[in-house]
Amino acid sequence: MLLLSVFILLFCTPLVTAEEFEDDIEIFGLELEKVFYFGSAIIATVLFIVSLIAHIRTEKLKLLFIWVAFLLFAIKGFLISHELFIAELSFVDPVASILDFIIVLIFLFGMLKK
């Protein structure tokens, strides 16, 4: 009886498919999510410049980790928000995930550095 139940569950029930809905909030024809990513990228660029200047002035190794992380964060933000300006690119999501991982590692190394 158990075997029959498993068979029915696995092979006789219809497959469930996921459907992506295009319910993105838009302002002036631009996706709000991408606009925020673009704004975050601009702020990260400013923070990158400020921390780079601070690193050059003080020569503290911790600031090296900080400005590299902000640089990567800015790159990631511009990469994700690229859809505001050009067509969607398929490699963006995996690259953004890899950049997130690297950014967190860099902040970790910066925190652990004496």
N, C-alpha and C. Protein backbone atom coordinates (compact mmCIF):
# COMPACT_ATOMS: atom_id res chain seq x y z
N MET A 1 0.82 -1.19 0.00
CA MET A 1 0.00 0.00 0.00
C MET A 1 0.87 1.26 0.00
N LEU A 2 1.95 1.23 0.80
CA LEU A 2 2.86 2.36 0.87
C LEU A 2 3.52 2.60 -0.48
N LEU A 3 3.90 1.52 -1.15
CA LEU A 3 4.54 1.64 -2.45
C LEU A 3 3.59 2.26 -3.47
N LEU A 4 2.34 1.87 -3.43
CA LEU A 4 1.34 2.43 -4.33
C LEU A 4 1.13 3.92 -4.07
N SER A 5 1.12 4.32 -2.80
CA SER A 5 0.95 5.74 -2.45
C SER A 5 2.13 6.57 -2.96
N VAL A 6 3.33 6.05 -2.80
CA VAL A 6 4.51 6.75 -3.29
C VAL A 6 4.46 6.88 -4.80
N PHE A 7 4.06 5.81 -5.49
CA PHE A 7 3.94 5.84 -6.94
C PHE A 7 2.95 6.91 -7.39
N ILE A 8 1.83 6.98 -6.74
CA ILE A 8 0.81 7.97 -7.10
C ILE A 8 1.33 9.39 -6.87
N LEU A 9 1.99 9.61 -5.74
CA LEU A 9 2.51 10.94 -5.44
C LEU A 9 3.59 11.38 -6.42
N LEU A 10 4.45 10.45 -6.80
CA LEU A 10 5.59 10.82 -7.65
C LEU A 10 5.24 10.90 -9.13
N PHE A 11 4.38 10.02 -9.60
CA PHE A 11 4.21 9.92 -11.03
C PHE A 11 2.84 10.34 -11.56
N CYS A 12 1.86 10.35 -10.73
CA CYS A 12 0.52 10.63 -11.23
C CYS A 12 0.02 12.04 -10.92
N THR A 13 0.69 12.75 -10.06
CA THR A 13 0.25 14.12 -9.77
C THR A 13 0.87 15.05 -10.80
N PRO A 14 0.18 16.09 -11.15
CA PRO A 14 0.74 17.02 -12.14
C PRO A 14 1.95 17.76 -11.57
N LEU A 15 2.86 18.07 -12.45
CA LEU A 15 4.05 18.81 -12.05
C LEU A 15 3.69 20.26 -11.78
N VAL A 16 4.30 20.81 -10.78
CA VAL A 16 4.07 22.20 -10.42
C VAL A 16 5.15 23.04 -11.09
N THR A 17 4.74 24.08 -11.75
CA THR A 17 5.71 24.95 -12.39
C THR A 17 5.65 26.32 -11.75
N ALA A 18 6.79 26.95 -11.70
CA ALA A 18 6.87 28.30 -11.14
C ALA A 18 6.78 29.30 -12.28
N GLU A 19 6.07 30.35 -12.03
CA GLU A 19 5.92 31.39 -13.03
C GLU A 19 6.36 32.70 -12.42
N GLU A 20 7.20 33.40 -13.15
CA GLU A 20 7.69 34.69 -12.66
C GLU A 20 6.74 35.78 -13.14
N PHE A 21 6.25 36.55 -12.20
CA PHE A 21 5.35 37.64 -12.53
C PHE A 21 6.15 38.92 -12.65
N GLU A 22 5.77 39.74 -13.56
CA GLU A 22 6.42 41.03 -13.76
C GLU A 22 5.64 42.10 -13.00
N ASP A 23 5.67 42.02 -11.68
CA ASP A 23 4.96 42.98 -10.84
C ASP A 23 5.91 43.96 -10.20
N ASP A 24 6.94 44.35 -10.94
CA ASP A 24 7.93 45.28 -10.39
C ASP A 24 7.32 46.67 -10.30
N ILE A 25 7.63 47.35 -9.22
CA ILE A 25 7.16 48.72 -9.03
C ILE A 25 8.00 49.63 -9.93
N GLU A 26 7.33 50.47 -10.67
CA GLU A 26 8.03 51.36 -11.60
C GLU A 26 7.71 52.81 -11.30
N ILE A 27 8.71 53.66 -11.48
CA ILE A 27 8.55 55.10 -11.38
C ILE A 27 9.14 55.70 -12.65
N PHE A 28 8.34 56.44 -13.38
CA PHE A 28 8.74 57.04 -14.65
C PHE A 28 9.28 55.98 -15.61
N GLY A 29 8.71 54.78 -15.58
CA GLY A 29 9.12 53.71 -16.47
C GLY A 29 10.38 52.98 -16.05
N LEU A 30 10.92 53.29 -14.88
CA LEU A 30 12.13 52.63 -14.38
C LEU A 30 11.78 51.76 -13.18
N GLU A 31 12.37 50.55 -13.13
CA GLU A 31 12.12 49.67 -12.00
C GLU A 31 12.72 50.29 -10.74
N LEU A 32 11.90 50.42 -9.71
CA LEU A 32 12.33 51.05 -8.46
C LEU A 32 13.51 50.31 -7.84
N GLU A 33 13.49 48.99 -7.92
CA GLU A 33 14.58 48.17 -7.37
C GLU A 33 15.91 48.53 -8.03
N LYS A 34 15.90 48.67 -9.35
CA LYS A 34 17.14 49.00 -10.08
C LYS A 34 17.59 50.43 -9.77
N VAL A 35 16.65 51.33 -9.55
CA VAL A 35 17.00 52.71 -9.20
C VAL A 35 17.71 52.73 -7.85
N PHE A 36 17.22 51.94 -6.89
CA PHE A 36 17.88 51.87 -5.58
C PHE A 36 19.26 51.24 -5.69
N TYR A 37 19.41 50.22 -6.53
CA TYR A 37 20.74 49.63 -6.74
C TYR A 37 21.69 50.66 -7.34
N PHE A 38 21.19 51.47 -8.27
CA PHE A 38 22.01 52.51 -8.88
C PHE A 38 22.42 53.55 -7.85
N GLY A 39 21.47 53.96 -7.00
CA GLY A 39 21.79 54.92 -5.93
C GLY A 39 22.80 54.35 -4.95
N SER A 40 22.65 53.07 -4.61
CA SER A 40 23.61 52.42 -3.72
C SER A 40 24.99 52.36 -4.35
N ALA A 41 25.03 52.14 -5.65
CA ALA A 41 26.32 52.09 -6.36
C ALA A 41 27.00 53.45 -6.33
N ILE A 42 26.23 54.51 -6.48
CA ILE A 42 26.81 55.86 -6.43
C ILE A 42 27.36 56.15 -5.02
N ILE A 43 26.59 55.81 -4.00
CA ILE A 43 27.06 56.02 -2.62
C ILE A 43 28.30 55.17 -2.35
N ALA A 44 28.31 53.92 -2.82
CA ALA A 44 29.48 53.06 -2.63
C ALA A 44 30.70 53.62 -3.34
N THR A 45 30.49 54.25 -4.49
CA THR A 45 31.60 54.87 -5.21
C THR A 45 32.18 56.03 -4.41
N VAL A 46 31.32 56.84 -3.82
CA VAL A 46 31.79 57.95 -2.98
C VAL A 46 32.55 57.40 -1.77
N LEU A 47 32.01 56.37 -1.13
CA LEU A 47 32.69 55.77 0.02
C LEU A 47 34.01 55.13 -0.39
N PHE A 48 34.06 54.56 -1.58
CA PHE A 48 35.31 54.01 -2.10
C PHE A 48 36.37 55.11 -2.22
N ILE A 49 35.98 56.24 -2.80
CA ILE A 49 36.93 57.35 -2.99
C ILE A 49 37.40 57.89 -1.65
N VAL A 50 36.47 58.09 -0.72
CA VAL A 50 36.83 58.62 0.61
C VAL A 50 37.77 57.66 1.33
N SER A 51 37.46 56.36 1.31
CA SER A 51 38.31 55.40 2.01
C SER A 51 39.65 55.21 1.31
N LEU A 52 39.69 55.35 -0.01
CA LEU A 52 40.97 55.29 -0.73
C LEU A 52 41.86 56.46 -0.34
N ILE A 53 41.28 57.65 -0.29
CA ILE A 53 42.05 58.84 0.12
C ILE A 53 42.54 58.67 1.55
N ALA A 54 41.69 58.16 2.43
CA ALA A 54 42.10 57.94 3.82
C ALA A 54 43.22 56.91 3.90
N HIS A 55 43.15 55.88 3.07
CA HIS A 55 44.20 54.86 3.05
C HIS A 55 45.53 55.45 2.57
N ILE A 56 45.47 56.28 1.56
CA ILE A 56 46.69 56.90 1.04
C ILE A 56 47.30 57.82 2.09
N ARG A 57 46.47 58.56 2.81
CA ARG A 57 46.98 59.50 3.82
C ARG A 57 47.55 58.78 5.05
N THR A 58 46.86 57.74 5.51
CA THR A 58 47.26 57.10 6.77
C THR A 58 48.09 55.83 6.57
N GLU A 59 48.00 55.24 5.40
CA GLU A 59 48.68 53.98 5.07
C GLU A 59 48.30 52.83 6.01
N LYS A 60 47.09 52.86 6.53
CA LYS A 60 46.60 51.77 7.38
C LYS A 60 46.11 50.63 6.49
N LEU A 61 46.56 49.43 6.83
CA LEU A 61 46.20 48.27 6.03
C LEU A 61 44.71 47.95 6.10
N LYS A 62 44.08 48.23 7.24
CA LYS A 62 42.64 47.97 7.37
C LYS A 62 41.84 48.76 6.34
N LEU A 63 42.28 49.97 6.06
CA LEU A 63 41.56 50.79 5.08
C LEU A 63 41.68 50.24 3.67
N LEU A 64 42.74 49.49 3.40
CA LEU A 64 42.88 48.83 2.10
C LEU A 64 41.72 47.87 1.88
N PHE A 65 41.42 47.06 2.91
CA PHE A 65 40.30 46.12 2.80
C PHE A 65 38.98 46.87 2.61
N ILE A 66 38.84 47.97 3.30
CA ILE A 66 37.59 48.73 3.23
C ILE A 66 37.38 49.31 1.83
N TRP A 67 38.41 49.96 1.26
CA TRP A 67 38.18 50.58 -0.05
C TRP A 67 38.03 49.54 -1.14
N VAL A 68 38.69 48.39 -1.02
CA VAL A 68 38.50 47.34 -2.02
C VAL A 68 37.07 46.80 -1.94
N ALA A 69 36.56 46.62 -0.73
CA ALA A 69 35.19 46.13 -0.57
C ALA A 69 34.18 47.14 -1.13
N PHE A 70 34.39 48.43 -0.86
CA PHE A 70 33.47 49.44 -1.41
C PHE A 70 33.57 49.51 -2.93
N LEU A 71 34.76 49.31 -3.47
CA LEU A 71 34.91 49.28 -4.93
C LEU A 71 34.10 48.13 -5.52
N LEU A 72 34.24 46.95 -4.94
CA LEU A 72 33.49 45.79 -5.43
C LEU A 72 31.98 45.98 -5.24
N PHE A 73 31.60 46.61 -4.14
CA PHE A 73 30.18 46.88 -3.90
C PHE A 73 29.63 47.85 -4.95
N ALA A 74 30.42 48.85 -5.32
CA ALA A 74 30.00 49.79 -6.36
C ALA A 74 29.87 49.09 -7.71
N ILE A 75 30.85 48.24 -8.03
CA ILE A 75 30.79 47.49 -9.28
C ILE A 75 29.54 46.62 -9.32
N LYS A 76 29.27 45.94 -8.21
CA LYS A 76 28.08 45.09 -8.14
C LYS A 76 26.80 45.91 -8.32
N GLY A 77 26.74 47.07 -7.69
CA GLY A 77 25.55 47.92 -7.82
C GLY A 77 25.33 48.40 -9.24
N PHE A 78 26.40 48.83 -9.90
CA PHE A 78 26.27 49.26 -11.29
C PHE A 78 25.92 48.09 -12.20
N LEU A 79 26.47 46.92 -11.90
CA LEU A 79 26.18 45.74 -12.69
C LEU A 79 24.71 45.34 -12.59
N ILE A 80 24.17 45.35 -11.38
CA ILE A 80 22.77 44.98 -11.19
C ILE A 80 21.84 46.04 -11.79
N SER A 81 22.20 47.30 -11.68
CA SER A 81 21.32 48.36 -12.18
C SER A 81 21.51 48.63 -13.66
N HIS A 82 22.31 47.84 -14.35
CA HIS A 82 22.55 48.07 -15.77
C HIS A 82 21.27 48.02 -16.60
N GLU A 83 20.25 47.31 -16.10
CA GLU A 83 19.00 47.19 -16.85
C GLU A 83 18.28 48.52 -17.02
N LEU A 84 18.68 49.53 -16.28
CA LEU A 84 18.10 50.86 -16.49
C LEU A 84 18.55 51.44 -17.83
N PHE A 85 19.70 50.97 -18.32
CA PHE A 85 20.30 51.59 -19.50
C PHE A 85 20.39 50.65 -20.70
N ILE A 86 20.63 49.35 -20.46
CA ILE A 86 20.76 48.39 -21.56
C ILE A 86 19.93 47.15 -21.25
N ALA A 87 19.88 46.24 -22.22
CA ALA A 87 19.09 45.02 -22.05
C ALA A 87 19.69 44.12 -20.98
N GLU A 88 18.86 43.23 -20.46
CA GLU A 88 19.28 42.33 -19.39
C GLU A 88 20.36 41.37 -19.88
N LEU A 89 21.37 41.17 -19.05
CA LEU A 89 22.45 40.23 -19.36
C LEU A 89 22.31 39.02 -18.44
N SER A 90 22.50 37.83 -18.98
CA SER A 90 22.24 36.61 -18.21
C SER A 90 23.27 36.33 -17.13
N PHE A 91 24.48 36.83 -17.26
CA PHE A 91 25.54 36.50 -16.30
C PHE A 91 25.53 37.39 -15.06
N VAL A 92 24.67 38.39 -15.01
CA VAL A 92 24.70 39.38 -13.93
C VAL A 92 24.42 38.76 -12.56
N ASP A 93 23.39 37.94 -12.45
CA ASP A 93 23.03 37.37 -11.14
C ASP A 93 24.12 36.50 -10.54
N PRO A 94 24.72 35.56 -11.30
CA PRO A 94 25.81 34.78 -10.70
C PRO A 94 27.02 35.64 -10.33
N VAL A 95 27.36 36.61 -11.15
CA VAL A 95 28.49 37.48 -10.85
C VAL A 95 28.20 38.31 -9.60
N ALA A 96 26.98 38.81 -9.47
CA ALA A 96 26.61 39.59 -8.28
C ALA A 96 26.69 38.74 -7.02
N SER A 97 26.29 37.48 -7.11
CA SER A 97 26.39 36.59 -5.95
C SER A 97 27.84 36.34 -5.57
N ILE A 98 28.69 36.14 -6.55
CA ILE A 98 30.12 35.94 -6.29
C ILE A 98 30.71 37.19 -5.67
N LEU A 99 30.35 38.36 -6.19
CA LEU A 99 30.85 39.62 -5.62
C LEU A 99 30.39 39.80 -4.18
N ASP A 100 29.14 39.43 -3.88
CA ASP A 100 28.66 39.50 -2.49
C ASP A 100 29.54 38.65 -1.57
N PHE A 101 29.85 37.45 -2.01
CA PHE A 101 30.69 36.56 -1.20
C PHE A 101 32.08 37.15 -0.99
N ILE A 102 32.67 37.69 -2.04
CA ILE A 102 34.01 38.28 -1.94
C ILE A 102 33.98 39.51 -1.04
N ILE A 103 32.95 40.34 -1.15
CA ILE A 103 32.84 41.55 -0.32
C ILE A 103 32.78 41.18 1.16
N VAL A 104 31.98 40.18 1.49
CA VAL A 104 31.88 39.75 2.89
C VAL A 104 33.22 39.20 3.38
N LEU A 105 33.91 38.44 2.54
CA LEU A 105 35.23 37.94 2.93
C LEU A 105 36.22 39.07 3.17
N ILE A 106 36.19 40.07 2.31
CA ILE A 106 37.11 41.21 2.47
C ILE A 106 36.82 41.95 3.77
N PHE A 107 35.54 42.20 4.06
CA PHE A 107 35.21 42.84 5.33
C PHE A 107 35.65 41.98 6.51
N LEU A 108 35.50 40.66 6.39
CA LEU A 108 35.95 39.76 7.45
C LEU A 108 37.46 39.88 7.66
N PHE A 109 38.23 39.84 6.58
CA PHE A 109 39.69 39.98 6.70
C PHE A 109 40.06 41.34 7.28
N GLY A 110 39.33 42.37 6.89
CA GLY A 110 39.59 43.70 7.45
C GLY A 110 39.32 43.77 8.94
N MET A 111 38.29 43.06 9.39
CA MET A 111 37.97 43.05 10.82
C MET A 111 38.99 42.24 11.61
N LEU A 112 39.50 41.17 11.02
CA LEU A 112 40.44 40.30 11.72
C LEU A 112 41.87 40.82 11.70
N LYS A 113 42.17 41.72 10.78
CA LYS A 113 43.52 42.27 10.67
C LYS A 113 43.82 43.17 11.85
N LYS A 114 45.00 42.98 12.45
CA LYS A 114 45.39 43.80 13.61
C LYS A 114 45.99 45.11 13.19
